[in-house]
Structures are given as C-alpha cells and as structure tokens.
C-alpha atoms as a PDB file:
ATOM      1  CA  MET A   1     128.518  -8.739 160.592  1.00  0.00           C
ATOM      2  CA  MET A   2     125.227  -7.566 159.093  1.00  0.00           C
ATOM      3  CA  ASN A   3     124.882  -7.521 155.328  1.00  0.00           C
ATOM      4  CA  PRO A   4     125.128  -3.798 154.363  1.00  0.00           C
ATOM      5  CA  CYS A   5     122.007  -4.122 152.208  1.00  0.00           C
ATOM      6  CA  LEU A   6     120.014  -5.407 155.193  1.00  0.00           C
ATOM      7  CA  GLU A   7     121.282  -2.489 157.216  1.00  0.00           C
ATOM      8  CA  LEU A   8     120.401   0.040 154.516  1.00  0.00           C
ATOM      9  CA  ALA A   9     116.900  -1.418 154.238  1.00  0.00           C
ATOM     10  CA  GLU A  10     116.586  -1.127 158.041  1.00  0.00           C
ATOM     11  CA  PHE A  11     115.774  -4.804 158.515  1.00  0.00           C
ATOM     12  CA  SER A  12     117.697  -6.230 161.447  1.00  0.00           C
ATOM     13  CA  GLN A  13     117.163  -9.693 160.006  1.00  0.00           C
ATOM     14  CA  GLY A  14     116.090 -10.900 156.611  1.00  0.00           C
ATOM     15  CA  LEU A  15     117.222 -12.140 153.232  1.00  0.00           C
ATOM     16  CA  ALA A  16     119.310 -10.228 150.701  1.00  0.00           C
ATOM     17  CA  GLU A  17     119.383 -11.624 147.170  1.00  0.00           C
ATOM     18  CA  PRO A  18     120.088 -10.268 143.662  1.00  0.00           C
ATOM     19  CA  ALA A  19     116.995  -8.530 142.263  1.00  0.00           C
ATOM     20  CA  LEU A  20     117.944  -9.079 138.620  1.00  0.00           C
ATOM     21  CA  ILE A  21     120.556 -10.572 136.345  1.00  0.00           C
ATOM     22  CA  ALA A  22     122.919  -7.886 135.056  1.00  0.00           C
ATOM     23  CA  LEU A  23     123.106  -7.717 131.261  1.00  0.00           C
ATOM     24  CA  ALA A  24     125.178  -5.481 128.983  1.00  0.00           C
ATOM     25  CA  SER A  25     123.646  -7.077 125.882  1.00  0.00           C
ATOM     26  CA  PRO A  26     121.138  -6.746 124.388  1.00  0.00           C
ATOM     27  CA  SER A  27     119.883  -4.437 127.153  1.00  0.00           C
ATOM     28  CA  TRP A  28     121.869  -2.211 129.519  1.00  0.00           C
ATOM     29  CA  ARG A  29     120.340  -3.719 132.642  1.00  0.00           C
ATOM     30  CA  GLY A  30     121.819  -3.681 136.135  1.00  0.00           C
ATOM     31  CA  ILE A  31     125.075  -2.175 134.848  1.00  0.00           C
ATOM     32  CA  ASP A  32     125.163   1.138 136.675  1.00  0.00           C
ATOM     33  CA  GLY A  33     124.643  -0.388 140.115  1.00  0.00           C
ATOM     34  CA  GLU A  34     124.284  -3.620 142.061  1.00  0.00           C
ATOM     35  CA  VAL A  35     120.571  -4.169 142.705  1.00  0.00           C
ATOM     36  CA  THR A  36     119.553  -6.258 145.715  1.00  0.00           C
ATOM     37  CA  ARG A  37     116.103  -7.271 146.937  1.00  0.00           C
ATOM     38  CA  VAL A  38     115.959  -7.275 150.729  1.00  0.00           C
ATOM     39  CA  THR A  39     113.081  -9.139 152.371  1.00  0.00           C
ATOM     40  CA  SER A  40     112.234  -8.842 156.048  1.00  0.00           C
ATOM     41  CA  PHE A  41     112.541 -11.940 158.239  1.00  0.00           C
ATOM     42  CA  ASP A  42     108.763 -12.281 158.498  1.00  0.00           C
ATOM     43  CA  LYS A  43     108.462 -11.793 154.680  1.00  0.00           C
ATOM     44  CA  THR A  44     105.923  -8.998 155.089  1.00  0.00           C
ATOM     45  CA  GLN A  45     108.153  -6.281 153.566  1.00  0.00           C
ATOM     46  CA  SER A  46     110.665  -6.073 150.762  1.00  0.00           C
ATOM     47  CA  ARG A  47     112.833  -3.263 149.483  1.00  0.00           C
ATOM     48  CA  ILE A  48     115.291  -2.651 146.691  1.00  0.00           C
ATOM     49  CA  VAL A  49     118.804  -1.499 147.559  1.00  0.00           C
ATOM     50  CA  LYS A  50     120.891  -0.115 144.719  1.00  0.00           C
ATOM     51  CA  LEU A  51     124.621   0.431 145.238  1.00  0.00           C
ATOM     52  CA  MET A  52     126.081   2.481 142.385  1.00  0.00           C
ATOM     53  CA  HIS A  53     129.215   1.199 140.634  1.00  0.00           C
ATOM     54  CA  SER A  54     132.072   3.685 140.381  1.00  0.00           C
ATOM     55  CA  ASP A  55     132.672   3.002 136.668  1.00  0.00           C
ATOM     56  CA  ALA A  56     129.226   4.455 135.934  1.00  0.00           C
ATOM     57  CA  ASP A  57     130.510   7.906 136.880  1.00  0.00           C
ATOM     58  CA  ILE A  58     131.576   8.484 133.266  1.00  0.00           C
ATOM     59  CA  TYR A  59     127.945   9.141 132.342  1.00  0.00           C
ATOM     60  CA  ILE A  60     126.070   9.590 135.635  1.00  0.00           C
ATOM     61  CA  ASN A  61     125.967  12.620 137.908  1.00  0.00           C
ATOM     62  CA  LEU A  62     125.065  10.984 141.211  1.00  0.00           C
ATOM     63  CA  GLN A  63     123.696  14.107 142.867  1.00  0.00           C
ATOM     64  CA  GLN A  64     121.374  14.760 139.944  1.00  0.00           C
ATOM     65  CA  MET A  65     120.307  11.100 139.965  1.00  0.00           C
ATOM     66  CA  TYR A  66     119.395  11.317 143.653  1.00  0.00           C
ATOM     67  CA  GLU A  67     117.470  14.550 143.031  1.00  0.00           C
ATOM     68  CA  ALA A  68     115.528  13.122 140.086  1.00  0.00           C
ATOM     69  CA  THR A  69     114.787   9.844 141.872  1.00  0.00           C
ATOM     70  CA  GLN A  70     113.308  11.727 144.822  1.00  0.00           C
ATOM     71  CA  GLN A  71     111.322  14.051 142.548  1.00  0.00           C
ATOM     72  CA  ALA A  72     109.926  11.065 140.626  1.00  0.00           C
ATOM     73  CA  SER A  73     108.992   9.415 143.916  1.00  0.00           C
ATOM     74  CA  ASP A  74     107.154  12.548 145.083  1.00  0.00           C
ATOM     75  CA  LEU A  75     105.220  12.628 141.798  1.00  0.00           C
ATOM     76  CA  ALA A  76     104.433   8.871 141.927  1.00  0.00           C
ATOM     77  CA  VAL A  77     106.173   8.588 138.550  1.00  0.00           C
ATOM     78  CA  GLY A  78     108.908   6.375 140.000  1.00  0.00           C
ATOM     79  CA  ALA A  79     109.255   3.918 142.850  1.00  0.00           C
ATOM     80  CA  ASN A  80     108.808   5.329 146.344  1.00  0.00           C
ATOM     81  CA  VAL A  81     112.119   6.397 147.914  1.00  0.00           C
ATOM     82  CA  VAL A  82     112.731   4.988 151.375  1.00  0.00           C
ATOM     83  CA  ARG A  83     116.105   6.648 151.819  1.00  0.00           C
ATOM     84  CA  ILE A  84     119.108   7.958 149.908  1.00  0.00           C
ATOM     85  CA  GLU A  85     122.617   7.479 151.279  1.00  0.00           C
ATOM     86  CA  PRO A  86     125.093   9.470 149.132  1.00  0.00           C
ATOM     87  CA  SER A  87     128.033   8.504 151.368  1.00  0.00           C
ATOM     88  CA  GLN A  88     127.405   4.859 150.449  1.00  0.00           C
ATOM     89  CA  ARG A  89     126.388   5.599 146.832  1.00  0.00           C
ATOM     90  CA  ALA A  90     123.092   3.940 147.731  1.00  0.00           C
ATOM     91  CA  LEU A  91     119.374   4.185 147.044  1.00  0.00           C
ATOM     92  CA  VAL A  92     116.716   2.308 149.005  1.00  0.00           C
ATOM     93  CA  LEU A  93     113.342   2.014 147.267  1.00  0.00           C
ATOM     94  CA  ASP A  94     110.040   0.286 147.795  1.00  0.00           C
ATOM     95  CA  ASP A  95     109.999  -3.005 145.921  1.00  0.00           C
ATOM     96  CA  LEU A  96     107.740  -3.119 142.873  1.00  0.00           C
ATOM     97  CA  ALA A  97     107.358  -6.856 143.302  1.00  0.00           C
ATOM     98  CA  GLU A  98     105.803  -9.490 141.078  1.00  0.00           C
ATOM     99  CA  LYS A  99     103.603 -10.671 143.961  1.00  0.00           C
ATOM    100  CA  ASP A 100     102.082  -7.187 144.005  1.00  0.00           C
ATOM    101  CA  GLY A 101     101.304  -7.235 140.281  1.00  0.00           C
ATOM    102  CA  TRP A 102     104.457  -5.591 138.894  1.00  0.00           C
ATOM    103  CA  SER A 103     106.689  -6.853 136.095  1.00  0.00           C
ATOM    104  CA  ALA A 104     109.416  -5.388 133.915  1.00  0.00           C
ATOM    105  CA  CYS A 105     108.378  -4.089 130.514  1.00  0.00           C
ATOM    106  CA  THR A 106     109.144  -6.277 127.514  1.00  0.00           C
ATOM    107  CA  LEU A 107     109.423  -5.301 123.867  1.00  0.00           C
ATOM    108  CA  ASP A 108     106.152  -6.994 122.918  1.00  0.00           C
ATOM    109  CA  MET A 109     104.270  -4.460 125.069  1.00  0.00           C
ATOM    110  CA  THR A 110     105.595  -1.364 123.333  1.00  0.00           C
ATOM    111  CA  ASP A 111     103.523  -1.445 120.135  1.00  0.00           C
ATOM    112  CA  ASP A 112     100.267  -1.430 122.125  1.00  0.00           C
ATOM    113  CA  ARG A 113      98.506   1.927 121.833  1.00  0.00           C
ATOM    114  CA  ASP A 114      97.208   1.893 125.416  1.00  0.00           C
ATOM    115  CA  PHE A 115     100.712   1.161 126.690  1.00  0.00           C
ATOM    116  CA  GLN A 116     102.132   4.025 124.618  1.00  0.00           C
ATOM    117  CA  GLN A 117      99.472   6.450 125.851  1.00  0.00           C
ATOM    118  CA  GLU A 118     100.125   5.568 129.484  1.00  0.00           C
ATOM    119  CA  HIS A 119     103.867   5.770 128.984  1.00  0.00           C
ATOM    120  CA  ILE A 120     103.760   9.157 127.296  1.00  0.00           C
ATOM    121  CA  GLY A 121     101.530  10.489 130.068  1.00  0.00           C
ATOM    122  CA  LEU A 122     103.979   9.233 132.698  1.00  0.00           C
ATOM    123  CA  ARG A 123     106.946  10.987 131.106  1.00  0.00           C
ATOM    124  CA  LYS A 124     104.985  14.181 130.474  1.00  0.00           C
ATOM    125  CA  ARG A 125     104.015  14.321 134.145  1.00  0.00           C
ATOM    126  CA  PHE A 126     107.694  14.470 135.044  1.00  0.00           C
ATOM    127  CA  ASN A 127     108.407  16.900 132.175  1.00  0.00           C
ATOM    128  CA  ALA A 128     105.911  19.321 133.740  1.00  0.00           C
ATOM    129  CA  SER A 129     107.517  19.205 137.206  1.00  0.00           C
ATOM    130  CA  ALA A 130     110.180  21.456 138.742  1.00  0.00           C
ATOM    131  CA  LYS A 131     113.415  21.924 136.819  1.00  0.00           C
ATOM    132  CA  LEU A 132     116.356  19.790 137.904  1.00  0.00           C
ATOM    133  CA  THR A 133     119.732  21.264 138.778  1.00  0.00           C
ATOM    134  CA  ILE A 134     121.636  20.274 135.632  1.00  0.00           C
ATOM    135  CA  ASP A 135     120.872  20.709 131.931  1.00  0.00           C
ATOM    136  CA  ARG A 136     121.777  17.862 129.591  1.00  0.00           C
ATOM    137  CA  ASP A 137     123.355  18.388 126.164  1.00  0.00           C
ATOM    138  CA  PRO A 138     123.663  15.023 124.367  1.00  0.00           C
ATOM    139  CA  PHE A 139     126.053  16.455 121.801  1.00  0.00           C
ATOM    140  CA  ALA A 140     128.462  17.787 124.426  1.00  0.00           C
ATOM    141  CA  GLU A 141     128.192  14.472 126.273  1.00  0.00           C
ATOM    142  CA  ILE A 142     129.136  12.559 123.123  1.00  0.00           C
ATOM    143  CA  ASN A 143     132.117  14.828 122.513  1.00  0.00           C
ATOM    144  CA  ASN A 144     133.365  14.247 126.076  1.00  0.00           C
ATOM    145  CA  LEU A 145     132.766  10.501 125.843  1.00  0.00           C
ATOM    146  CA  TYR A 146     134.661  10.324 122.559  1.00  0.00           C
ATOM    147  CA  LEU A 147     137.663  12.151 124.032  1.00  0.00           C
ATOM    148  CA  ASP A 148     137.551   9.773 127.001  1.00  0.00           C
ATOM    149  CA  ALA A 149     137.338   6.742 124.698  1.00  0.00           C
ATOM    150  CA  VAL A 150     140.361   7.902 122.695  1.00  0.00           C
ATOM    151  CA  ALA A 151     142.323   8.686 125.865  1.00  0.00           C
ATOM    152  CA  CYS A 152     141.787   5.198 127.294  1.00  0.00           C
ATOM    153  CA  GLN A 153     142.256   3.513 123.898  1.00  0.00           C
ATOM    154  CA  ALA A 154     138.782   1.995 123.959  1.00  0.00           C
ATOM    155  CA  PRO A 155     137.849  -0.029 120.860  1.00  0.00           C
ATOM    156  CA  LEU A 156     136.163   2.218 118.281  1.00  0.00           C
ATOM    157  CA  PRO A 157     135.073   1.388 114.730  1.00  0.00           C
ATOM    158  CA  ALA A 158     137.087   2.927 111.899  1.00  0.00           C
ATOM    159  CA  ASP A 159     134.145   5.074 110.788  1.00  0.00           C
ATOM    160  CA  THR A 160     133.687   6.783 114.177  1.00  0.00           C
ATOM    161  CA  PRO A 161     134.963  10.176 112.882  1.00  0.00           C
ATOM    162  CA  TRP A 162     132.430   9.970 110.028  1.00  0.00           C
ATOM    163  CA  LEU A 163     129.620   9.163 112.463  1.00  0.00           C
ATOM    164  CA  LEU A 164     130.602  12.073 114.712  1.00  0.00           C
ATOM    165  CA  HIS A 165     130.722  14.412 111.702  1.00  0.00           C
ATOM    166  CA  ASN A 166     127.132  13.492 110.903  1.00  0.00           C
ATOM    167  CA  LEU A 167     126.135  14.076 114.528  1.00  0.00           C
ATOM    168  CA  GLU A 168     127.583  17.576 114.163  1.00  0.00           C
ATOM    169  CA  LEU A 169     125.231  18.106 111.228  1.00  0.00           C
ATOM    170  CA  ILE A 170     122.311  16.955 113.404  1.00  0.00           C
ATOM    171  CA  ALA A 171     123.423  19.292 116.198  1.00  0.00           C
ATOM    172  CA  LYS A 172     123.574  22.298 113.852  1.00  0.00           C
ATOM    173  CA  ALA A 173     120.149  21.530 112.398  1.00  0.00           C
ATOM    174  CA  ILE A 174     118.533  21.181 115.827  1.00  0.00           C
ATOM    175  CA  GLN A 175     120.306  24.144 117.407  1.00  0.00           C
ATOM    176  CA  ALA A 176     119.270  26.368 114.497  1.00  0.00           C
ATOM    177  CA  SER A 177     115.619  25.612 115.246  1.00  0.00           C
ATOM    178  CA  GLY A 178     115.973  26.357 118.979  1.00  0.00           C
ATOM    179  CA  VAL A 179     115.925  24.065 121.990  1.00  0.00           C
ATOM    180  CA  ASP A 180     113.752  24.158 125.101  1.00  0.00           C
ATOM    181  CA  ARG A 181     114.599  21.937 128.063  1.00  0.00           C
ATOM    182  CA  VAL A 182     112.306  20.226 130.534  1.00  0.00           C
ATOM    183  CA  PRO A 183     113.074  17.823 133.402  1.00  0.00           C
ATOM    184  CA  ALA A 184     113.299  14.367 131.853  1.00  0.00           C
ATOM    185  CA  HIS A 185     114.137  10.766 132.693  1.00  0.00           C
ATOM    186  CA  GLY A 186     116.478  10.803 129.714  1.00  0.00           C
ATOM    187  CA  ASP A 187     116.666   7.081 128.934  1.00  0.00           C
ATOM    188  CA  GLY A 188     114.423   5.092 126.609  1.00  0.00           C
ATOM    189  CA  ASN A 189     115.565   1.644 127.799  1.00  0.00           C
ATOM    190  CA  ILE A 190     112.414  -0.443 128.284  1.00  0.00           C
ATOM    191  CA  SER A 191     114.008  -2.391 131.138  1.00  0.00           C
ATOM    192  CA  ASN A 192     113.601   0.809 133.181  1.00  0.00           C
ATOM    193  CA  VAL A 193     109.805   0.566 132.905  1.00  0.00           C
ATOM    194  CA  MET A 194     107.745  -1.385 135.430  1.00  0.00           C
ATOM    195  CA  VAL A 195     104.184  -2.301 134.452  1.00  0.00           C
ATOM    196  CA  HIS A 196     101.332  -3.251 136.799  1.00  0.00           C
ATOM    197  CA  THR A 197      98.586  -5.667 135.869  1.00  0.00           C
ATOM    198  CA  ASN A 198      96.146  -2.719 135.976  1.00  0.00           C
ATOM    199  CA  GLY A 199      98.173  -0.857 133.312  1.00  0.00           C
ATOM    200  CA  THR A 200      99.921   1.568 135.669  1.00  0.00           C
ATOM    201  CA  GLN A 201     103.572   2.214 134.895  1.00  0.00           C
ATOM    202  CA  LYS A 202     106.580   3.450 136.875  1.00  0.00           C
ATOM    203  CA  LEU A 203     109.998   4.598 135.684  1.00  0.00           C
ATOM    204  CA  LEU A 204     113.137   3.317 137.365  1.00  0.00           C
ATOM    205  CA  ASP A 205     116.828   4.241 137.076  1.00  0.00           C
ATOM    206  CA  TRP A 206     117.013   8.016 136.877  1.00  0.00           C
ATOM    207  CA  ASP A 207     120.735   7.903 136.053  1.00  0.00           C
ATOM    208  CA  SER A 208     120.413   9.893 132.806  1.00  0.00           C
ATOM    209  CA  ALA A 209     117.955  12.456 134.175  1.00  0.00           C
ATOM    210  CA  GLY A 210     118.377  16.150 133.499  1.00  0.00           C
ATOM    211  CA  ASN A 211     116.754  19.135 131.874  1.00  0.00           C
ATOM    212  CA  LEU A 212     116.569  17.928 128.287  1.00  0.00           C
ATOM    213  CA  ASP A 213     114.945  18.749 124.962  1.00  0.00           C
ATOM    214  CA  PRO A 214     111.642  16.799 125.280  1.00  0.00           C
ATOM    215  CA  TYR A 215     111.978  15.625 121.674  1.00  0.00           C
ATOM    216  CA  ALA A 216     115.306  14.052 122.584  1.00  0.00           C
ATOM    217  CA  GLU A 217     113.559  11.842 125.122  1.00  0.00           C
ATOM    218  CA  LEU A 218     110.770  11.097 122.637  1.00  0.00           C
ATOM    219  CA  GLY A 219     113.389  10.193 120.028  1.00  0.00           C
ATOM    220  CA  MET A 220     114.938   7.707 122.443  1.00  0.00           C
ATOM    221  CA  LEU A 221     111.551   6.042 122.842  1.00  0.00           C
ATOM    222  CA  LEU A 222     110.892   5.885 119.112  1.00  0.00           C
ATOM    223  CA  ALA A 223     114.290   4.239 118.630  1.00  0.00           C
ATOM    224  CA  GLU A 224     113.949   1.848 121.572  1.00  0.00           C
ATOM    225  CA  PHE A 225     110.439   0.687 120.724  1.00  0.00           C
ATOM    226  CA  HIS A 226     111.657  -0.555 117.301  1.00  0.00           C
ATOM    227  CA  LEU A 227     108.653   0.837 115.487  1.00  0.00           C
ATOM    228  CA  GLY A 228     108.397   1.277 111.725  1.00  0.00           C
ATOM    229  CA  GLU A 229     108.220   4.766 110.222  1.00  0.00           C
ATOM    230  CA  LEU A 230     104.414   4.913 110.150  1.00  0.00           C
ATOM    231  CA  GLU A 231     104.162   3.557 113.704  1.00  0.00           C
ATOM    232  CA  LYS A 232     106.709   6.137 114.857  1.00  0.00           C
ATOM    233  CA  GLN A 233     104.661   8.889 113.257  1.00  0.00           C
ATOM    234  CA  ALA A 234     101.517   7.636 114.994  1.00  0.00           C
ATOM    235  CA  MET A 235     103.255   7.573 118.379  1.00  0.00           C
ATOM    236  CA  PHE A 236     104.659  11.046 117.742  1.00  0.00           C
ATOM    237  CA  GLU A 237     101.146  12.315 116.974  1.00  0.00           C
ATOM    238  CA  MET A 238      99.937  10.734 120.211  1.00  0.00           C
ATOM    239  CA  TYR A 239     102.684  12.597 122.080  1.00  0.00           C
ATOM    240  CA  GLU A 240     102.228  15.950 120.343  1.00  0.00           C
ATOM    241  CA  GLY A 241      98.462  15.889 119.778  1.00  0.00           C
ATOM    242  CA  ARG A 242      99.061  16.540 116.088  1.00  0.00           C
ATOM    243  CA  PHE A 243     101.655  15.633 113.498  1.00  0.00           C
ATOM    244  CA  ASP A 244     104.450  18.169 112.990  1.00  0.00           C
ATOM    245  CA  ASP A 245     106.978  16.977 110.435  1.00  0.00           C
ATOM    246  CA  ALA A 246     109.856  19.192 111.603  1.00  0.00           C
ATOM    247  CA  LEU A 247     109.524  18.078 115.205  1.00  0.00           C
ATOM    248  CA  PHE A 248     109.103  14.456 114.159  1.00  0.00           C
ATOM    249  CA  GLN A 249     112.360  14.602 112.170  1.00  0.00           C
ATOM    250  CA  ARG A 250     114.034  16.229 115.170  1.00  0.00           C
ATOM    251  CA  ALA A 251     112.907  13.394 117.457  1.00  0.00           C
ATOM    252  CA  HIS A 252     113.926  10.754 114.910  1.00  0.00           C
ATOM    253  CA  LEU A 253     117.430  12.224 114.610  1.00  0.00           C
ATOM    254  CA  TYR A 254     117.803  12.377 118.383  1.00  0.00           C
ATOM    255  CA  GLY A 255     117.301   8.604 118.380  1.00  0.00           C
ATOM    256  CA  THR A 256     120.412   8.316 116.202  1.00  0.00           C
ATOM    257  CA  VAL A 257     122.331  10.544 118.604  1.00  0.00           C
ATOM    258  CA  ASP A 258     121.339   8.346 121.540  1.00  0.00           C
ATOM    259  CA  HIS A 259     122.620   5.216 119.783  1.00  0.00           C
ATOM    260  CA  ILE A 260     126.087   6.756 119.422  1.00  0.00           C
ATOM    261  CA  ARG A 261     126.097   7.989 123.023  1.00  0.00           C
ATOM    262  CA  TRP A 262     125.402   4.484 124.318  1.00  0.00           C
ATOM    263  CA  ALA A 263     127.898   2.988 121.869  1.00  0.00           C
ATOM    264  CA  LEU A 264     130.649   5.163 123.339  1.00  0.00           C
ATOM    265  CA  ILE A 265     129.612   4.349 126.919  1.00  0.00           C
ATOM    266  CA  GLY A 266     129.771   0.630 126.126  1.00  0.00           C
ATOM    267  CA  SER A 267     133.143   1.016 124.436  1.00  0.00           C
ATOM    268  CA  ILE A 268     134.682   2.821 127.410  1.00  0.00           C
ATOM    269  CA  HIS A 269     133.280   0.210 129.800  1.00  0.00           C
ATOM    270  CA  SER A 270     134.799  -2.572 127.696  1.00  0.00           C
ATOM    271  CA  LYS A 271     138.208  -1.003 128.299  1.00  0.00           C
ATOM    272  CA  ARG A 272     137.928   0.253 131.861  1.00  0.00           C
ATOM    273  CA  SER A 273     135.388  -1.826 133.744  1.00  0.00           C
ATOM    274  CA  LYS A 274     136.645  -4.650 135.949  1.00  0.00           C
ATOM    275  CA  ARG A 275     133.469  -6.616 135.196  1.00  0.00           C
ATOM    276  CA  SER A 276     135.008  -8.676 132.425  1.00  0.00           C
ATOM    277  CA  SER A 277     132.025 -11.026 132.148  1.00  0.00           C
ATOM    278  CA  MET A 278     129.787  -8.240 130.798  1.00  0.00           C
ATOM    279  CA  GLU A 279     129.377  -8.022 127.014  1.00  0.00           C
ATOM    280  CA  PHE A 280     130.226  -4.330 126.775  1.00  0.00           C
ATOM    281  CA  THR A 281     131.867  -4.610 123.347  1.00  0.00           C
ATOM    282  CA  LYS A 282     128.845  -6.417 121.915  1.00  0.00           C
ATOM    283  CA  PHE A 283     126.546  -3.725 123.311  1.00  0.00           C
ATOM    284  CA  SER A 284     128.763  -0.994 121.870  1.00  0.00           C
ATOM    285  CA  ASP A 285     128.968  -2.640 118.444  1.00  0.00           C
ATOM    286  CA  TRP A 286     125.190  -3.015 118.322  1.00  0.00           C
ATOM    287  CA  HIS A 287     124.557   0.676 118.985  1.00  0.00           C
ATOM    288  CA  PHE A 288     127.275   1.767 116.566  1.00  0.00           C
ATOM    289  CA  PHE A 289     125.538  -0.431 113.983  1.00  0.00           C
ATOM    290  CA  LEU A 290     122.115   1.128 114.668  1.00  0.00           C
ATOM    291  CA  GLY A 291     123.523   4.651 114.525  1.00  0.00           C
ATOM    292  CA  ARG A 292     125.376   3.810 111.299  1.00  0.00           C
ATOM    293  CA  MET A 293     122.184   2.432 109.758  1.00  0.00           C
ATOM    294  CA  ASP A 294     120.343   5.672 110.559  1.00  0.00           C
ATOM    295  CA  VAL A 295     123.058   7.907 109.113  1.00  0.00           C
ATOM    296  CA  SER A 296     123.320   5.704 106.006  1.00  0.00           C
ATOM    297  CA  GLU A 297     119.591   6.015 105.243  1.00  0.00           C
ATOM    298  CA  SER A 298     118.926   7.437 101.794  1.00  0.00           C
ATOM    299  CA  ASP A 299     116.699  10.096 103.375  1.00  0.00           C
ATOM    300  CA  PHE A 300     119.138  11.143 106.133  1.00  0.00           C
ATOM    301  CA  ALA A 301     120.001  14.440 104.401  1.00  0.00           C
ATOM    302  CA  GLU A 302     116.311  15.065 103.803  1.00  0.00           C
ATOM    303  CA  ARG A 303     115.573  14.566 107.515  1.00  0.00           C
ATOM    304  CA  LEU A 304     118.219  17.174 108.326  1.00  0.00           C
ATOM    305  CA  ARG A 305     116.681  19.618 105.864  1.00  0.00           C
ATOM    306  CA  ARG A 306     113.193  19.166 107.280  1.00  0.00           C
ATOM    307  CA  VAL A 307     114.095  19.787 110.961  1.00  0.00           C
END
C-alpha cells in the first residue's frame, strides 16, 4: 500500500520522512499538523505534505487556512501550493529546502534591520491583497477559548480571571479608537518564517490567518522578536513610516493579548490532546507568565490611557 503522503505528492515512488521535529516548547512548531517531506525516487523533486491534526480545530478554521495559503502562494508571499485536499485535511506545497538556500528563521536574525525591513514588506504585501472570508477578533477568540478551557477542566493559573479582566480593559481602549481589518497571516511565531541566503523570506503556516487589525499582527511581531522598548519603537517606525505613540501602544498591548491567547490554546491541548509527549503545559505556563509580566508593568495603565 502506497504511503498516503507519497500519493498526495503525486510521486509513485520515493521517500517520505518527517520534515521537522514537533515542539510545543519553547516554540509552537509542527503542532497543528504532521509535516512530511516527500522526495521523488530520482531525488530531483521534493514536496511538503501537511496533514492537519483534528485537535487544532479549536483555533483553526481549515477553510480559511486553505484560502489564505493559496492567496499567499499566488502573491509569492508563501510557499507555492501544489494542491489542497480538504477531504484529507491536507496541503501539498513546494519544498523550501536547505539545498536550495532556505532555512528556518532563528531568533538571532530578528534584531537585524534588513531582516525586519524585508519581513515587514512581506506581511504588508499580504495585508494589501484581497480580503479573506473571515474576520478575526482576538478578544472574542480568547473568550471562547477560556470557556472551552473551563468546560474541559484544563489547567489554568489562579490569576486567570484577573488577566482576562485586564484584557477587557485593553479591548475597550482599542475598540474606542476604532479598528480597521486587513488580510493578515496572524501569527508572529518566527518558526513560520523561511529565509533564503539572498535575504528573501516566505511565510508558512497560515492557520491563524484572517482579516485582522494590522497593529495586532505588528504587536505579535514586537512580542515575538523579544526586542527592548527602544528597539520596538524603531521597528514600529519602520513599519509605520513615522512614530505614532497611540498606535505603538496599541500594537504593544496586542502583544499581551496574543500571549494569553496562546496560553489558553496550550492549556486546552494539555488536557485534550492525545499527544502526551508534547510540553503543552510548559508552553501555556510560559505565555501566561509573559502576559502576566506585561499586565504587571508599572506603565500598563499609562499604555491603556495613551492608546
């Protein structure tokens, strides 16, 4: 019987092997789907086959993911789509292989100004494209995830209600200033970024894509890149073309929101997922900690006021 990944990649013969090691800590990598590299028998072609895990449905709309992945492919923002098989929960993509000059982004790359400029341009290219089908509201998502976590008795820290109360304050401050939505990748995780030796970048894993406040996506990047305050301001100015304090505070606060969203996703996975070897609780605890640190900042109330 043919390996289903070989069949999906349309290679009658070849080799199918894991494309990466799945990690739930410190990075959420390879968690939403099983990623396989399929190489043709003559080794002249290779493709990536991604089979989505069912437990990822708590935070992924598959149809929107397929739509965004294809749109990114058409724009050359993401990997080229070979085929999409919704009935098999599968994506088949061209392989951005090391032999062709590609490698996964690492944290040491993210404080480089040229890298940041290229990365911002990549995301803005997608932001300027056609609207996707579904709008994303991170605050509504967090509310739904919290209800799900309580219902399944997922492990939550004692101060979760306090954290959620502070997210409500962020939501009110942002909503009062008005929100525009653009098509966005919606995930700042650097493991989703592929970098070529010539500096070109591609975005993978469009699982969190949707029409989103662009400063929410920027806030995810500022949080993920682990920059200091001044470095965050400089990257914001690169993104915006000028420094706007209100919009900078908005982006910064969205980074806090994203930490709590991922913390809840990790917590639910630790309770429901059958993949017991994954460090979901550790991942969840880490993001709860980062969100707690942000909310506990002495200038948190001042950030809210300045949005």
